Amino acid sequence: MGVYEDLGLTPIINASGSVTRLGGAPMSREVLEAMTDAASESVPIEALQAKACTEIASFTGTEAGIVSAGAASALTLGAAAIMTGWDRGRMESLPQTDAFPNEFVVAREQRSGYDHAVRAAGARLVEVGFNEIVPGAGVRRTEAWEYEAAFGPNTVGVLYVFTPDSEPPLAEVVARAHMHNLPVLVDAAAELPPRSNLIDIPATGADLVAFSGGKSIRGPQSTGILAGRRELVGPAFAQLVDMDDHPALWDPPKELVDIERFEGGPPRHGVGRAHKVSKEEIVGLLTALRLFSAGAYDEEVAGYRPRLERIAGALESAPVTCTLHDRGDGESFPLLDISIDESAVGKTAFEVCESLRKGSPPIYAGHGKLAQGTLIVNPLHLDDASAGALAQRVREELGAS
């Protein structure tokens, strides 16, 4: 019996990858041991975040960084920092922001439910551009001049959601924003790998960049990174950490805070208080970041394609078409699409996916293409045994056992 069985839960076969709803990525033994060691003693969290600042800055080529409670937390803290700077009055007022600039310009096609993290800090989003391609109404995408045309007296910054296909290029948006002394906050939560993005995205001149710590970095699932200009990371840190210290004793880390910015004492608990990060999580994230940056997971990644090929081979006689997608960069996870001949099976992909979840063992396949009749298999959590069980269960559901 394991810990989940003791709770009356049945562990699943996770074929969806590092998704939050299934607990993120698997952590290495080194990360788990580091977290256990961190739990055995106490240190000031401010001092620990200062050490994290130095390491994150080194790995990202930025001035500063902090460990946040996930990438969404990094976006909330980043938006808060951009709106308040070092102003304690503004920090105290969040998320009430009517008294000062609070608008972030964002491309309409980059909107999603995840930008609630920015709005949670009290920011308003001002959309630009048209998502013409989705409704088949045109071929143009958002252009850099449209951001600039939307800048006004209440604009405080730009929100940019980075993907390999994002338009206009981030560097162009940064250039337009900086012409007006406006910072750019980048959501790059899932943009690792490649490892080079740790440096390449901030190198565009973006002022703050948010990465997930619990996906490809394989740190604790509820961790993230906020990296960028110290002038903004500092206020984010000040709204994150526990400020219940006597003003006469408060000695903030110089890596993150110029104490003269807070003449008379520290701010009170900020909007980030609910985003606090434990010492174990900070240490775990830093350990995982070192491993990720050193390529420690590459050998493991190399074994994913053969495992997916074996799954595809086991389904050759089933009424499906298997397609392997592999960037071939040695870092990215290959993915396997299992496209179901729904008319031959007599079931939709939705029904097969649901049956897999409810079966024994429960299997959670990627559901991003169910509307196209396709299951997605992400190999991150699979070993030979679970991959074999997955193939057998799919065959059973398709009537090919």
Protein backbone atom coordinates (compact mmCIF):
# COMPACT_ATOMS: atom_id res chain seq x y z
CA MET A 1 0.00 0.00 0.00
CA GLY A 2 1.23 3.46 -0.86
CA VAL A 3 0.33 6.86 0.51
CA TYR A 4 -2.49 7.35 -2.01
CA GLU A 5 -3.99 3.93 -1.32
CA ASP A 6 -3.91 4.80 2.37
CA LEU A 7 -6.10 7.78 1.47
CA GLY A 8 -8.45 5.61 -0.53
CA LEU A 9 -7.18 6.86 -3.90
CA THR A 10 -6.01 4.87 -6.90
CA PRO A 11 -2.85 6.15 -8.63
CA ILE A 12 -3.35 6.77 -12.34
CA ILE A 13 -1.25 6.29 -15.44
CA ASN A 14 -0.47 9.85 -16.45
CA ALA A 15 -0.17 10.13 -20.23
CA SER A 16 -0.91 13.87 -20.19
CA GLY A 17 2.52 15.10 -19.04
CA SER A 18 3.27 17.83 -16.52
CA VAL A 19 -0.25 19.25 -16.29
CA THR A 20 -1.21 20.90 -13.02
CA ARG A 21 -4.44 18.97 -12.60
CA LEU A 22 -2.45 15.71 -12.40
CA GLY A 23 0.30 17.01 -10.13
CA GLY A 24 2.98 18.34 -12.49
CA ALA A 25 6.23 16.69 -13.53
CA PRO A 26 8.07 13.86 -11.76
CA MET A 27 10.84 15.16 -9.51
CA SER A 28 14.28 13.58 -9.43
CA ARG A 29 15.79 11.90 -6.41
CA GLU A 30 18.23 14.83 -6.09
CA VAL A 31 15.36 17.31 -5.87
CA LEU A 32 13.44 15.22 -3.34
CA GLU A 33 16.53 14.73 -1.18
CA ALA A 34 17.28 18.46 -1.28
CA MET A 35 13.73 19.23 -0.16
CA THR A 36 13.99 16.74 2.69
CA ASP A 37 17.26 18.30 3.82
CA ALA A 38 15.71 21.79 3.63
CA ALA A 39 12.82 20.69 5.83
CA SER A 40 15.11 19.69 8.69
CA GLU A 41 16.32 23.20 9.55
CA SER A 42 15.13 26.80 9.44
CA VAL A 43 16.56 29.78 7.56
CA PRO A 44 15.20 33.30 6.95
CA ILE A 45 13.11 33.09 3.79
CA GLU A 46 14.35 36.55 2.75
CA ALA A 47 17.94 35.31 2.81
CA LEU A 48 17.01 32.15 0.94
CA GLN A 49 15.20 34.14 -1.75
CA ALA A 50 18.29 36.35 -2.02
CA LYS A 51 20.39 33.26 -2.81
CA ALA A 52 17.72 32.18 -5.28
CA CYS A 53 17.92 35.64 -6.83
CA THR A 54 21.63 35.23 -7.55
CA GLU A 55 21.21 31.76 -9.05
CA ILE A 56 18.17 32.61 -11.14
CA ALA A 57 19.89 35.72 -12.46
CA SER A 58 22.86 33.59 -13.48
CA PHE A 59 20.75 31.00 -15.29
CA THR A 60 18.54 33.57 -17.06
CA GLY A 61 21.04 36.32 -17.81
CA THR A 62 18.90 38.81 -15.92
CA GLU A 63 19.54 41.20 -13.05
CA ALA A 64 17.39 39.38 -10.50
CA GLY A 65 14.88 36.63 -9.90
CA ILE A 66 12.70 35.07 -7.25
CA VAL A 67 10.94 31.76 -6.72
CA SER A 68 7.17 32.18 -6.90
CA ALA A 69 4.24 29.89 -6.18
CA GLY A 70 3.94 28.85 -9.82
CA ALA A 71 4.05 30.78 -13.08
CA ALA A 72 0.60 32.28 -12.46
CA SER A 73 1.89 33.59 -9.15
CA ALA A 74 4.86 35.12 -10.96
CA LEU A 75 2.45 36.94 -13.28
CA THR A 76 0.42 38.30 -10.37
CA LEU A 77 3.56 39.46 -8.58
CA GLY A 78 5.02 40.90 -11.77
CA ALA A 79 1.86 42.85 -12.55
CA ALA A 80 1.73 44.10 -8.96
CA ALA A 81 5.35 45.23 -9.10
CA ILE A 82 4.85 47.10 -12.37
CA MET A 83 1.81 48.94 -10.99
CA THR A 84 3.30 49.84 -7.60
CA GLY A 85 7.04 50.12 -8.01
CA TRP A 86 8.41 50.79 -4.52
CA ASP A 87 5.36 52.83 -3.45
CA ARG A 88 4.07 51.41 -0.16
CA GLY A 89 0.76 53.22 -0.51
CA ARG A 90 0.08 51.56 -3.83
CA MET A 91 1.16 48.19 -2.45
CA GLU A 92 -1.29 48.62 0.40
CA SER A 93 -4.16 49.46 -1.95
CA LEU A 94 -3.92 46.46 -4.30
CA PRO A 95 -6.06 45.15 -5.88
CA GLN A 96 -7.79 48.54 -5.82
CA THR A 97 -5.95 50.44 -8.55
CA ASP A 98 -8.25 53.23 -9.72
CA ALA A 99 -5.98 55.91 -8.27
CA PHE A 100 -2.98 55.14 -10.50
CA PRO A 101 -2.17 53.68 -13.94
CA ASN A 102 -3.36 50.08 -14.11
CA GLU A 103 -3.77 49.12 -17.78
CA PHE A 104 -1.74 46.44 -19.55
CA VAL A 105 -1.97 46.30 -23.32
CA VAL A 106 -2.28 42.75 -24.67
CA ALA A 107 -2.97 41.21 -28.07
CA ARG A 108 -6.52 39.92 -28.31
CA GLU A 109 -5.25 36.62 -29.74
CA GLN A 110 -3.03 36.13 -26.65
CA ARG A 111 -5.91 36.32 -24.16
CA SER A 112 -6.74 33.20 -22.14
CA GLY A 113 -8.05 32.18 -18.76
CA TYR A 114 -4.49 32.26 -17.46
CA ASP A 115 -4.34 36.05 -17.68
CA HIS A 116 -6.66 36.09 -14.67
CA ALA A 117 -3.36 35.98 -12.77
CA VAL A 118 -2.57 39.49 -14.01
CA ARG A 119 -6.08 40.77 -13.42
CA ALA A 120 -5.95 39.40 -9.85
CA ALA A 121 -3.40 42.06 -8.97
CA GLY A 122 -5.90 44.74 -9.95
CA ALA A 123 -4.76 45.26 -13.53
CA ARG A 124 -7.09 45.99 -16.43
CA LEU A 125 -6.32 44.45 -19.81
CA VAL A 126 -6.69 46.54 -22.95
CA GLU A 127 -6.92 44.37 -26.06
CA VAL A 128 -5.41 45.21 -29.43
CA GLY A 129 -5.46 43.46 -32.79
CA PHE A 130 -7.98 41.02 -34.21
CA ASN A 131 -7.92 37.25 -34.13
CA GLU A 132 -8.78 37.15 -37.83
CA ILE A 133 -7.35 33.73 -38.64
CA VAL A 134 -9.59 31.74 -36.26
CA PRO A 135 -12.92 32.94 -37.78
CA GLY A 136 -11.46 32.80 -41.29
CA ALA A 137 -11.91 36.54 -41.67
CA GLY A 138 -8.39 37.34 -42.83
CA VAL A 139 -4.73 36.46 -42.65
CA ARG A 140 -3.26 39.28 -40.57
CA ARG A 141 -2.30 38.97 -36.95
CA THR A 142 -1.66 41.60 -34.30
CA GLU A 143 1.04 44.07 -35.35
CA ALA A 144 3.48 46.02 -33.17
CA TRP A 145 2.09 49.44 -34.09
CA GLU A 146 -1.28 48.44 -32.65
CA TYR A 147 0.23 48.18 -29.17
CA GLU A 148 1.71 51.64 -29.48
CA ALA A 149 -1.56 53.10 -30.73
CA ALA A 150 -3.29 51.85 -27.57
CA PHE A 151 -0.82 53.41 -25.12
CA GLY A 152 -2.39 56.15 -23.05
CA PRO A 153 -2.13 57.95 -19.72
CA ASN A 154 -3.47 54.94 -17.81
CA THR A 155 -1.14 52.42 -19.51
CA VAL A 156 1.32 50.90 -17.05
CA GLY A 157 2.79 48.08 -19.12
CA VAL A 158 2.41 45.38 -21.76
CA LEU A 159 1.46 41.75 -21.25
CA TYR A 160 2.92 39.35 -23.84
CA VAL A 161 2.22 35.62 -24.01
CA PHE A 162 5.25 33.90 -25.55
CA THR A 163 5.01 30.82 -27.76
CA PRO A 164 7.13 29.79 -30.76
CA ASP A 165 4.35 31.16 -32.99
CA SER A 166 3.53 34.38 -31.13
CA GLU A 167 3.14 37.47 -33.29
CA PRO A 168 4.38 40.13 -33.50
CA PRO A 169 7.88 39.13 -32.36
CA LEU A 170 8.51 39.89 -28.70
CA ALA A 171 11.56 42.04 -29.49
CA GLU A 172 9.41 44.34 -31.65
CA VAL A 173 6.83 44.76 -28.89
CA VAL A 174 9.56 45.45 -26.34
CA ALA A 175 11.06 48.12 -28.57
CA ARG A 176 7.71 49.89 -28.99
CA ALA A 177 6.96 49.71 -25.26
CA HIS A 178 10.38 50.97 -24.21
CA MET A 179 10.01 54.00 -26.49
CA HIS A 180 7.27 55.01 -24.05
CA ASN A 181 9.11 53.83 -20.90
CA LEU A 182 6.63 50.99 -20.45
CA PRO A 183 7.77 47.60 -19.10
CA VAL A 184 6.85 44.29 -20.72
CA LEU A 185 5.69 41.32 -18.63
CA VAL A 186 6.08 37.99 -20.44
CA ASP A 187 4.14 34.80 -19.75
CA ALA A 188 6.55 32.03 -20.79
CA ALA A 189 5.16 29.45 -18.40
CA ALA A 190 5.43 26.45 -20.71
CA GLU A 191 8.24 27.64 -23.01
CA LEU A 192 10.91 25.30 -21.68
CA PRO A 193 12.49 23.45 -23.39
CA PRO A 194 14.55 24.52 -25.17
CA ARG A 195 16.87 25.45 -22.31
CA SER A 196 18.09 28.38 -24.35
CA ASN A 197 14.75 30.13 -23.75
CA LEU A 198 15.85 30.76 -20.16
CA ILE A 199 18.24 33.30 -21.62
CA ASP A 200 16.84 34.05 -25.06
CA ILE A 201 13.43 35.31 -23.91
CA PRO A 202 14.80 37.80 -21.33
CA ALA A 203 17.48 38.78 -23.86
CA THR A 204 14.77 40.40 -26.01
CA GLY A 205 14.77 43.19 -23.44
CA ALA A 206 11.60 42.00 -21.71
CA ASP A 207 11.46 43.48 -18.23
CA LEU A 208 9.92 40.52 -16.38
CA VAL A 209 9.55 36.91 -17.51
CA ALA A 210 7.51 34.19 -15.80
CA PHE A 211 8.49 30.52 -16.16
CA SER A 212 6.89 27.43 -14.61
CA GLY A 213 9.09 25.53 -12.17
CA GLY A 214 6.97 22.38 -12.13
CA LYS A 215 6.96 21.49 -15.82
CA SER A 216 10.16 20.83 -17.79
CA ILE A 217 12.41 22.12 -15.00
CA ARG A 218 10.81 19.39 -12.84
CA GLY A 219 10.85 21.28 -9.61
CA PRO A 220 7.98 21.28 -7.11
CA GLN A 221 4.73 21.58 -9.04
CA SER A 222 3.64 24.73 -7.24
CA THR A 223 6.79 26.74 -8.03
CA GLY A 224 7.66 29.25 -10.68
CA ILE A 225 10.28 31.82 -11.58
CA LEU A 226 9.98 35.58 -11.99
CA ALA A 227 13.15 36.96 -13.57
CA GLY A 228 14.11 40.31 -14.99
CA ARG A 229 15.02 43.83 -13.96
CA ARG A 230 15.95 44.20 -10.30
CA GLU A 231 13.96 47.44 -10.17
CA LEU A 232 10.82 45.35 -10.67
CA VAL A 233 11.76 42.00 -9.13
CA GLY A 234 12.49 43.86 -5.88
CA PRO A 235 8.95 45.24 -5.45
CA ALA A 236 7.57 41.82 -6.41
CA PHE A 237 9.69 40.26 -3.66
CA ALA A 238 8.52 42.93 -1.18
CA GLN A 239 4.89 42.01 -1.87
CA LEU A 240 5.58 38.27 -1.58
CA VAL A 241 7.56 37.75 1.61
CA ASP A 242 6.33 37.79 5.21
CA MET A 243 6.63 41.40 6.42
CA ASP A 244 5.70 40.72 10.03
CA ASP A 245 9.00 42.06 11.34
CA HIS A 246 9.72 45.07 13.54
CA PRO A 247 10.68 48.07 11.37
CA ALA A 248 13.75 48.68 13.53
CA LEU A 249 14.96 45.11 12.93
CA TRP A 250 14.06 44.63 9.27
CA ASP A 251 17.18 44.06 7.19
CA PRO A 252 16.13 43.12 3.65
CA PRO A 253 18.61 41.39 1.33
CA LYS A 254 20.62 43.85 -0.73
CA GLU A 255 20.35 41.54 -3.73
CA LEU A 256 16.68 42.49 -3.98
CA VAL A 257 15.87 45.61 -1.98
CA ASP A 258 17.45 49.02 -1.48
CA ILE A 259 16.27 49.70 2.06
CA GLU A 260 16.26 53.46 1.50
CA ARG A 261 13.35 52.89 -0.88
CA PHE A 262 11.27 52.17 2.21
CA GLU A 263 12.21 55.05 4.47
CA GLY A 264 10.47 54.49 7.80
CA GLY A 265 10.16 50.74 7.53
CA PRO A 266 8.94 47.90 5.36
CA PRO A 267 5.56 47.72 3.62
CA ARG A 268 2.83 45.62 5.14
CA HIS A 269 1.84 42.21 3.79
CA GLY A 270 1.28 42.58 0.07
CA VAL A 271 -1.02 41.05 -2.50
CA GLY A 272 1.52 38.23 -2.80
CA ARG A 273 1.09 37.05 0.78
CA ALA A 274 -1.24 34.32 -0.48
CA HIS A 275 1.52 33.24 -2.88
CA LYS A 276 4.11 32.37 -0.25
CA VAL A 277 6.72 29.73 -1.08
CA SER A 278 8.21 27.34 1.46
CA LYS A 279 11.91 26.86 2.08
CA GLU A 280 11.58 23.29 0.78
CA GLU A 281 10.05 24.51 -2.47
CA ILE A 282 12.72 27.18 -3.01
CA VAL A 283 15.51 24.66 -2.47
CA GLY A 284 13.75 22.09 -4.63
CA LEU A 285 13.29 24.54 -7.47
CA LEU A 286 16.93 25.67 -7.37
CA THR A 287 18.12 22.07 -7.38
CA ALA A 288 15.88 21.24 -10.33
CA LEU A 289 16.95 24.39 -12.19
CA ARG A 290 20.61 23.39 -11.88
CA LEU A 291 19.82 19.93 -13.22
CA PHE A 292 17.70 21.24 -16.08
CA SER A 293 20.26 23.83 -17.09
CA ALA A 294 23.03 21.20 -17.09
CA GLY A 295 21.07 18.90 -19.41
CA ALA A 296 20.62 16.25 -16.74
CA TYR A 297 17.29 15.13 -18.20
CA ASP A 298 18.46 14.72 -21.80
CA GLU A 299 19.35 11.03 -21.49
CA GLU A 300 15.89 10.33 -20.11
CA VAL A 301 14.29 12.29 -22.95
CA ALA A 302 16.20 10.14 -25.44
CA GLY A 303 14.28 7.10 -24.23
CA TYR A 304 10.84 8.61 -24.80
CA ARG A 305 10.63 8.09 -28.56
CA PRO A 306 11.33 4.32 -28.47
CA ARG A 307 8.68 3.97 -25.76
CA LEU A 308 6.10 5.77 -27.88
CA GLU A 309 7.10 3.71 -30.90
CA ARG A 310 6.39 0.54 -28.91
CA ILE A 311 2.94 1.86 -28.02
CA ALA A 312 2.28 2.65 -31.69
CA GLY A 313 3.51 -0.81 -32.65
CA ALA A 314 1.15 -2.44 -30.18
CA LEU A 315 -1.76 -0.61 -31.84
CA GLU A 316 -0.91 -1.54 -35.44
CA SER A 317 -3.89 -3.89 -35.81
CA ALA A 318 -6.29 -1.56 -34.03
CA PRO A 319 -8.60 0.86 -35.91
CA VAL A 320 -6.35 3.84 -35.27
CA THR A 321 -3.69 5.91 -36.99
CA CYS A 322 -0.63 6.68 -34.87
CA THR A 323 1.48 9.75 -35.63
CA LEU A 324 4.69 10.56 -33.76
CA HIS A 325 5.64 14.21 -33.39
CA ASP A 326 9.27 14.82 -32.48
CA ARG A 327 11.19 18.09 -32.75
CA GLY A 328 14.40 16.11 -32.66
CA ASP A 329 16.21 18.71 -30.57
CA GLY A 330 17.17 16.27 -27.82
CA GLU A 331 15.30 18.30 -25.22
CA SER A 332 11.63 18.40 -26.16
CA PHE A 333 9.28 15.53 -25.41
CA PRO A 334 8.01 13.64 -28.46
CA LEU A 335 4.24 13.15 -28.51
CA LEU A 336 2.12 10.36 -29.95
CA ASP A 337 -1.24 11.09 -31.58
CA ILE A 338 -3.68 8.17 -31.61
CA SER A 339 -6.37 9.08 -34.14
CA ILE A 340 -9.41 6.83 -33.75
CA ASP A 341 -11.56 5.56 -36.59
CA GLU A 342 -14.72 6.44 -34.71
CA SER A 343 -17.09 4.88 -37.27
CA ALA A 344 -15.25 1.54 -37.11
CA VAL A 345 -15.01 1.56 -33.31
CA GLY A 346 -18.52 2.81 -32.65
CA LYS A 347 -17.21 5.20 -30.03
CA THR A 348 -16.05 8.79 -30.12
CA ALA A 349 -12.62 9.79 -28.91
CA PHE A 350 -14.34 11.52 -25.98
CA GLU A 351 -15.98 8.24 -24.99
CA VAL A 352 -12.72 6.33 -25.27
CA CYS A 353 -10.91 8.96 -23.21
CA GLU A 354 -13.61 8.83 -20.53
CA SER A 355 -13.54 5.02 -20.44
CA LEU A 356 -9.76 5.04 -20.05
CA ARG A 357 -10.11 7.34 -17.04
CA LYS A 358 -12.73 5.14 -15.43
CA GLY A 359 -11.01 1.83 -16.18
CA SER A 360 -8.41 -0.18 -14.31
CA PRO A 361 -5.79 1.10 -14.18
CA PRO A 362 -7.15 4.63 -14.74
CA ILE A 363 -5.39 6.28 -17.68
CA TYR A 364 -5.41 10.01 -18.37
CA ALA A 365 -4.46 10.71 -21.98
CA GLY A 366 -3.99 14.20 -23.40
CA HIS A 367 -7.35 15.63 -24.45
CA GLY A 368 -6.30 18.61 -26.57
CA LYS A 369 -7.39 16.98 -29.85
CA LEU A 370 -10.45 15.00 -28.80
CA ALA A 371 -12.63 17.12 -31.07
CA GLN A 372 -10.52 15.84 -33.96
CA GLY A 373 -10.94 12.24 -32.81
CA THR A 374 -7.42 12.00 -31.39
CA LEU A 375 -5.86 11.03 -28.07
CA ILE A 376 -2.43 12.44 -27.22
CA VAL A 377 0.19 10.46 -25.31
CA ASN A 378 2.87 12.44 -23.48
CA PRO A 379 5.63 10.08 -22.25
CA LEU A 380 6.96 12.15 -19.34
CA HIS A 381 5.44 9.94 -16.63
CA LEU A 382 5.55 6.64 -18.49
CA ASP A 383 7.88 3.70 -17.93
CA ASP A 384 7.90 0.43 -19.87
CA ALA A 385 5.26 -1.14 -17.63
CA SER A 386 2.81 1.76 -17.73
CA ALA A 387 3.33 2.22 -21.46
CA GLY A 388 2.45 -1.43 -22.01
CA ALA A 389 -0.62 -1.12 -19.80
CA LEU A 390 -1.70 1.98 -21.72
CA ALA A 391 -1.43 0.22 -25.08
CA GLN A 392 -3.39 -2.79 -23.79
CA ARG A 393 -6.15 -0.63 -22.32
CA VAL A 394 -6.50 1.35 -25.57
CA ARG A 395 -6.77 -1.90 -27.51
CA GLU A 396 -9.47 -3.10 -25.12
CA GLU A 397 -11.47 0.09 -25.52
CA LEU A 398 -11.22 -0.18 -29.29
CA GLY A 399 -12.32 -3.80 -29.28
CA ALA A 400 -8.93 -4.98 -30.55
CA SER A 401 -7.75 -6.93 -27.50
